[in-house]
Amino acid sequence: MNASMTPNRHDNRDVTILVIRPHPDDESSATGGMLAHYHAQGVRTGVVICTGGEEGKIHDPDLDAEADKPRLREIREQELRNACSILGVSELRLLGYRDSGMAETPANSHPEAFWRADRTEAVGRLVRVIRELRPHVIVTEQSGGAYSHPDHVMCHVVSVAAFHAAGDVQAYPEAGTAWNVSKLYTIAHIDDGAWETLRPEFKAAGFDLGKRRPRRKGRPSPEAATVALDVRPYSDIQRRALLAHRTQIPLSSMWARLPDELYRRAFATAYFMRVHPPAAAQERESDLCHGVPLPPSMLQSRA
C-alpha cells in the first residue's frame, strides 16, 4: 500500500462534512466560514436545518411584517437556499419541525415545535439523513445550546443521539443502511478577546461595544477548543451568506455595516470541540478532517 492509500490520509474529494443547525441563518453564522473553507478545499459539505424559523422577526424592508408573517417559513427557506448556494453547500436537508421560539414563550407549546417533538422520531429523521449522505464528520450545537434557546438545546441532544444511532444496525432499520460517522464536533462559542482588542476600531466605525463584560458563564476559553480554524480568507463569503437572510439581518446592523477588514478581524476564527472520539486534555487539531479514515471501498478503488 503506497502513501496515497494509507487509511489515515484523507482525500478531500472523498470526505463529507455535515452541519446540523436549528434555524435558517444558523448555518451562515458560527459555521458559515467553516463551510466556505471546506468547500474551497474540495470537501463535500451538507447542511441539515431542524426548523422553519417561523418565530423570527421580519426586518426586510421589502416585506410587510404582519402581512408576510404567515409565509415566513417559505420565505426563510428560500433565503436558506440562497445562503447555502453562496457557501458552496452541495446537500441541504430540512428536518421539518416548527421553530419553538425563545424559552418560556407561547411558541414552546405549539404541537409542531421542535422542542416538543418525540425524541425517538426526531432522532430517526436525522438518522435517515445521515445514512443517506454518509458524512465522515458531523458538526452541531454545543451542549446547552450556547444561550439556552430550546431549539439549540434540542438540536444538540438529537444530533448526538443520531450520531451514535446511525452506525447501529439494530437502530432504525427502516432508515437505511447503517453508517458509522468518524468524528463529532460541537461549535465552541468562545470569547477569544478579539472584540476587546478591536474596541477602538469598532467605536471609530460607529459601534459602541459598551462596558467590558466578563466571559459568559458556560462559555469555554480558547484553550479548550480542539480546532481553531482561521476563516479570514472566507469572511466575505460568510458575510454574503449571512446577509442573504434578509428577513433576519437588518441593513442597519453591525453585520451589514462593519467595514470589510474590521469584520474579517472580528470574526477571524471558528472554534470547535471534538466530542467523539473524546479529545484528550490539551489535544489540538488543525483540521476537522484530520485522521478521517477512508472507507475500504474507496481504498480498493485506488488500488
Protein backbone atom coordinates (compact mmCIF):
# COMPACT_ATOMS: atom_id res chain seq x y z
CA MET A 1 0.00 0.00 0.00
CA ASN A 2 1.54 3.32 -1.03
CA ALA A 3 1.15 6.64 0.81
CA SER A 4 -1.90 7.71 -1.20
CA MET A 5 -3.73 4.62 0.04
CA THR A 6 -2.94 4.95 3.75
CA PRO A 7 -6.27 4.82 5.66
CA ASN A 8 -5.49 7.82 7.88
CA ARG A 9 -4.83 10.10 4.94
CA HIS A 10 -7.99 11.71 3.62
CA ASP A 11 -8.53 12.89 0.07
CA ASN A 12 -10.82 15.92 0.28
CA ARG A 13 -12.92 14.68 -2.62
CA ASP A 14 -13.88 11.64 -0.59
CA VAL A 15 -14.79 13.42 2.64
CA THR A 16 -18.20 14.81 3.64
CA ILE A 17 -18.85 17.24 6.50
CA LEU A 18 -22.44 17.57 7.71
CA VAL A 19 -23.50 20.61 9.73
CA ILE A 20 -26.69 20.32 11.81
CA ARG A 21 -28.26 23.60 12.99
CA PRO A 22 -31.69 24.55 14.36
CA HIS A 23 -32.76 27.55 12.23
CA PRO A 24 -32.22 29.09 8.80
CA ASP A 25 -29.30 31.59 9.15
CA ASP A 26 -27.56 29.47 11.83
CA GLU A 27 -25.65 27.70 9.06
CA SER A 28 -24.17 31.03 7.97
CA SER A 29 -23.22 32.43 11.37
CA ALA A 30 -20.91 30.28 13.50
CA THR A 31 -20.39 27.68 10.76
CA GLY A 32 -20.51 29.79 7.58
CA GLY A 33 -16.79 30.48 7.37
CA MET A 34 -16.01 26.83 8.07
CA LEU A 35 -18.39 25.64 5.33
CA ALA A 36 -16.85 28.06 2.82
CA HIS A 37 -13.35 26.95 3.86
CA TYR A 38 -14.02 23.26 3.30
CA HIS A 39 -15.90 23.84 0.06
CA ALA A 40 -12.80 25.65 -1.21
CA GLN A 41 -10.71 22.63 -0.15
CA GLY A 42 -12.88 20.32 -2.25
CA VAL A 43 -14.72 18.75 0.68
CA ARG A 44 -18.37 17.83 0.11
CA THR A 45 -20.49 19.80 2.56
CA GLY A 46 -24.05 19.26 3.74
CA VAL A 47 -26.43 21.16 5.99
CA VAL A 48 -29.44 19.98 7.99
CA ILE A 49 -31.80 22.64 9.37
CA CYS A 50 -34.20 21.39 12.02
CA THR A 51 -36.92 24.07 11.94
CA GLY A 52 -38.51 26.59 9.60
CA GLY A 53 -37.61 29.64 11.68
CA GLU A 54 -41.22 30.76 11.92
CA GLU A 55 -40.65 32.73 15.14
CA GLY A 56 -38.07 35.04 13.60
CA LYS A 57 -38.82 38.72 13.06
CA ILE A 58 -39.08 40.33 9.62
CA HIS A 59 -36.52 43.07 9.01
CA ASP A 60 -36.63 43.03 5.21
CA PRO A 61 -37.93 46.49 4.17
CA ASP A 62 -39.50 44.96 1.06
CA LEU A 63 -41.82 42.82 3.19
CA ASP A 64 -44.73 43.62 5.48
CA ALA A 65 -44.01 42.38 9.00
CA GLU A 66 -47.66 41.48 9.61
CA ALA A 67 -48.97 40.51 6.19
CA ASP A 68 -45.97 38.32 5.33
CA LYS A 69 -45.63 36.62 8.73
CA PRO A 70 -47.84 33.61 7.75
CA ARG A 71 -45.45 32.73 4.94
CA LEU A 72 -42.22 33.37 6.84
CA ARG A 73 -41.30 29.68 6.77
CA GLU A 74 -41.43 29.71 2.96
CA ILE A 75 -39.51 32.98 2.74
CA ARG A 76 -36.80 31.78 5.09
CA GLU A 77 -36.39 28.52 3.23
CA GLN A 78 -35.59 30.45 0.06
CA GLU A 79 -33.15 32.64 1.99
CA LEU A 80 -31.54 29.46 3.31
CA ARG A 81 -31.18 28.02 -0.17
CA ASN A 82 -29.60 31.25 -1.39
CA ALA A 83 -27.15 31.26 1.52
CA CYS A 84 -26.19 27.62 1.01
CA SER A 85 -25.51 28.33 -2.65
CA ILE A 86 -23.15 31.14 -1.66
CA LEU A 87 -21.34 28.86 0.82
CA GLY A 88 -20.99 26.06 -1.73
CA VAL A 89 -23.14 23.62 0.23
CA SER A 90 -23.97 20.68 -2.02
CA GLU A 91 -26.58 18.94 0.15
CA LEU A 92 -29.37 20.66 2.09
CA ARG A 93 -31.96 18.78 4.09
CA LEU A 94 -34.86 20.15 6.18
CA LEU A 95 -35.91 18.15 9.24
CA GLY A 96 -39.36 19.73 9.09
CA TYR A 97 -40.11 20.91 12.62
CA ARG A 98 -41.52 24.26 13.70
CA ASP A 99 -39.47 26.96 15.41
CA SER A 100 -40.02 26.67 19.18
CA GLY A 101 -39.28 30.33 19.90
CA MET A 102 -37.29 31.64 22.83
CA ALA A 103 -37.51 29.90 26.20
CA GLU A 104 -40.73 30.40 28.15
CA THR A 105 -42.71 31.87 25.25
CA PRO A 106 -46.07 30.61 23.91
CA ALA A 107 -44.38 29.15 20.82
CA ASN A 108 -42.79 26.50 23.06
CA SER A 109 -46.21 24.88 23.37
CA HIS A 110 -47.01 24.66 19.66
CA PRO A 111 -47.74 20.99 18.87
CA GLU A 112 -45.26 21.01 15.95
CA ALA A 113 -42.48 22.80 17.84
CA PHE A 114 -39.10 21.09 17.68
CA TRP A 115 -38.79 21.39 21.46
CA ARG A 116 -41.93 19.26 21.90
CA ALA A 117 -41.01 16.66 19.28
CA ASP A 118 -40.94 12.99 20.15
CA ARG A 119 -37.20 12.46 20.51
CA THR A 120 -37.22 8.94 19.13
CA GLU A 121 -38.94 10.20 15.99
CA ALA A 122 -36.68 13.25 15.69
CA VAL A 123 -33.55 11.10 16.02
CA GLY A 124 -34.97 8.74 13.40
CA ARG A 125 -35.47 11.57 10.91
CA LEU A 126 -31.87 12.65 11.37
CA VAL A 127 -30.53 9.09 11.22
CA ARG A 128 -32.19 8.72 7.82
CA VAL A 129 -30.38 11.83 6.56
CA ILE A 130 -27.03 10.69 7.97
CA ARG A 131 -27.33 7.27 6.36
CA GLU A 132 -28.29 8.88 3.07
CA LEU A 133 -25.46 11.44 2.96
CA ARG A 134 -22.83 9.30 4.74
CA PRO A 135 -20.79 12.09 6.34
CA HIS A 136 -17.40 11.44 7.86
CA VAL A 137 -17.65 14.44 10.19
CA ILE A 138 -20.69 15.99 11.90
CA VAL A 139 -20.70 19.48 13.42
CA THR A 140 -23.59 20.57 15.63
CA GLU A 141 -24.62 22.73 18.60
CA GLN A 142 -22.70 22.71 21.85
CA SER A 143 -24.31 21.23 24.94
CA GLY A 144 -26.82 23.69 26.36
CA GLY A 145 -27.22 25.40 23.01
CA ALA A 146 -24.93 28.37 23.74
CA TYR A 147 -27.73 30.58 25.10
CA SER A 148 -30.37 28.05 26.15
CA HIS A 149 -32.68 28.55 23.17
CA PRO A 150 -34.94 25.46 23.19
CA ASP A 151 -34.21 24.60 19.55
CA HIS A 152 -30.44 24.88 20.02
CA VAL A 153 -30.64 22.64 23.08
CA MET A 154 -32.81 20.12 21.23
CA CYS A 155 -30.53 20.22 18.18
CA HIS A 156 -27.58 19.13 20.32
CA VAL A 157 -29.49 16.33 22.02
CA VAL A 158 -30.93 14.93 18.79
CA SER A 159 -27.66 15.28 16.85
CA VAL A 160 -25.60 13.39 19.43
CA ALA A 161 -28.17 10.60 19.64
CA ALA A 162 -28.40 10.33 15.85
CA PHE A 163 -24.60 10.29 15.51
CA HIS A 164 -24.46 7.14 17.63
CA ALA A 165 -27.63 5.52 16.28
CA ALA A 166 -26.67 5.93 12.62
CA GLY A 167 -23.99 3.25 12.95
CA ASP A 168 -26.12 0.82 14.92
CA VAL A 169 -27.53 -1.86 12.61
CA GLN A 170 -30.31 -2.57 15.10
CA ALA A 171 -31.43 1.06 15.42
CA TYR A 172 -33.94 2.45 12.95
CA PRO A 173 -33.59 -0.36 10.39
CA GLU A 174 -36.21 1.36 8.22
CA ALA A 175 -33.93 4.42 7.87
CA GLY A 176 -31.37 2.81 5.56
CA THR A 177 -28.06 1.00 5.81
CA ALA A 178 -26.08 1.73 8.97
CA TRP A 179 -23.26 4.27 8.62
CA ASN A 180 -20.52 4.99 11.17
CA VAL A 181 -19.60 8.67 11.30
CA SER A 182 -15.91 9.06 12.19
CA LYS A 183 -16.00 12.29 14.20
CA LEU A 184 -18.47 14.53 16.03
CA TYR A 185 -17.74 18.16 16.87
CA THR A 186 -19.74 20.85 18.59
CA ILE A 187 -19.48 24.54 17.90
CA ALA A 188 -17.47 26.24 20.62
CA HIS A 189 -18.93 29.69 21.28
CA ILE A 190 -15.77 31.28 22.60
CA ASP A 191 -14.90 34.81 23.63
CA ASP A 192 -11.31 34.96 22.41
CA GLY A 193 -10.78 38.63 23.24
CA ALA A 194 -10.73 39.75 19.60
CA TRP A 195 -13.52 42.26 20.10
CA GLU A 196 -11.85 43.83 23.12
CA THR A 197 -8.66 44.26 21.14
CA LEU A 198 -10.63 45.90 18.33
CA ARG A 199 -12.77 48.09 20.63
CA PRO A 200 -11.28 51.41 19.38
CA GLU A 201 -11.86 50.39 15.76
CA PHE A 202 -15.45 49.39 16.50
CA LYS A 203 -16.00 52.81 18.05
CA ALA A 204 -14.44 54.57 15.06
CA ALA A 205 -16.81 52.64 12.81
CA GLY A 206 -19.79 53.85 14.84
CA PHE A 207 -20.38 50.80 17.03
CA ASP A 208 -20.05 51.24 20.79
CA LEU A 209 -19.48 47.86 22.46
CA GLY A 210 -20.44 49.31 25.84
CA LYS A 211 -18.84 48.16 29.06
CA ARG A 212 -16.46 45.26 29.00
CA ARG A 213 -18.36 42.15 30.06
CA PRO A 214 -16.95 39.07 31.78
CA ARG A 215 -16.88 35.85 29.82
CA ARG A 216 -20.41 34.46 29.63
CA LYS A 217 -20.99 31.64 32.09
CA GLY A 218 -20.53 28.25 30.49
CA ARG A 219 -18.52 29.51 27.54
CA PRO A 220 -15.16 27.77 27.17
CA SER A 221 -11.84 29.53 26.83
CA PRO A 222 -9.96 29.45 23.50
CA GLU A 223 -7.56 26.93 25.02
CA ALA A 224 -10.41 24.44 25.41
CA ALA A 225 -11.13 24.23 21.68
CA THR A 226 -9.89 21.19 19.78
CA VAL A 227 -9.88 23.08 16.47
CA ALA A 228 -9.32 26.80 15.93
CA LEU A 229 -9.92 27.38 12.23
CA ASP A 230 -8.72 30.56 10.52
CA VAL A 231 -11.68 31.62 8.38
CA ARG A 232 -10.47 35.10 7.43
CA PRO A 233 -10.00 34.19 3.74
CA TYR A 234 -13.71 33.34 3.59
CA SER A 235 -15.19 36.17 5.65
CA ASP A 236 -16.60 37.92 2.58
CA ILE A 237 -18.37 34.73 1.51
CA GLN A 238 -19.64 34.08 5.03
CA ARG A 239 -20.94 37.62 5.28
CA ARG A 240 -22.75 37.46 1.95
CA ALA A 241 -24.38 34.20 3.03
CA LEU A 242 -25.49 35.73 6.32
CA LEU A 243 -26.89 38.80 4.58
CA ALA A 244 -28.85 36.53 2.24
CA HIS A 245 -31.15 36.09 5.24
CA ARG A 246 -32.76 39.45 4.55
CA THR A 247 -35.65 38.91 6.95
CA GLN A 248 -33.27 38.36 9.87
CA ILE A 249 -30.36 40.75 9.33
CA PRO A 250 -31.33 44.45 9.39
CA LEU A 251 -29.42 46.60 6.92
CA SER A 252 -28.62 48.88 9.86
CA SER A 253 -26.98 46.05 11.82
CA MET A 254 -23.32 45.59 12.59
CA TRP A 255 -23.27 42.50 10.36
CA ALA A 256 -24.20 44.66 7.38
CA ARG A 257 -22.30 47.85 8.16
CA LEU A 258 -18.90 46.89 9.59
CA PRO A 259 -16.01 47.76 7.26
CA ASP A 260 -14.77 44.63 5.48
CA GLU A 261 -11.36 44.46 7.14
CA LEU A 262 -12.78 45.02 10.62
CA TYR A 263 -15.39 42.32 10.02
CA ARG A 264 -12.65 39.95 8.89
CA ARG A 265 -10.61 40.56 12.03
CA ALA A 266 -13.58 40.43 14.41
CA PHE A 267 -14.71 37.04 13.09
CA ALA A 268 -11.30 35.62 12.26
CA THR A 269 -11.54 32.24 13.97
CA ALA A 270 -14.14 29.48 14.17
CA TYR A 271 -13.77 27.20 17.20
CA PHE A 272 -14.89 23.59 17.56
CA MET A 273 -14.67 20.95 20.27
CA ARG A 274 -14.37 17.25 19.45
CA VAL A 275 -16.95 15.17 21.28
CA HIS A 276 -16.34 11.80 19.63
CA PRO A 277 -13.89 10.29 19.80
CA PRO A 278 -13.34 12.27 23.01
CA ALA A 279 -10.43 14.68 22.78
CA ALA A 280 -7.65 14.22 25.32
CA ALA A 281 -6.77 17.13 27.58
CA GLN A 282 -4.88 19.78 25.63
CA GLU A 283 -5.33 17.81 22.38
CA ARG A 284 -5.38 20.09 19.34
CA GLU A 285 -6.17 19.52 15.67
CA SER A 286 -5.60 21.87 12.76
CA ASP A 287 -8.35 20.32 10.67
CA LEU A 288 -11.81 18.87 11.32
CA CYS A 289 -10.98 16.15 8.81
CA HIS A 290 -7.67 15.18 10.42
CA GLY A 291 -7.34 11.42 10.74
CA VAL A 292 -10.61 10.63 8.98
CA PRO A 293 -10.21 7.07 7.63
CA LEU A 294 -11.32 6.31 4.12
CA PRO A 295 -13.91 3.55 3.71
CA PRO A 296 -12.47 0.27 2.37
CA SER A 297 -14.40 0.69 -0.89
CA MET A 298 -12.57 3.95 -1.56
CA LEU A 299 -9.20 2.40 -0.77
CA GLN A 300 -9.91 -0.55 -3.08
CA SER A 301 -10.94 1.78 -5.89
CA ARG A 302 -7.48 3.35 -5.77
CA ALA A 303 -5.53 0.11 -5.79
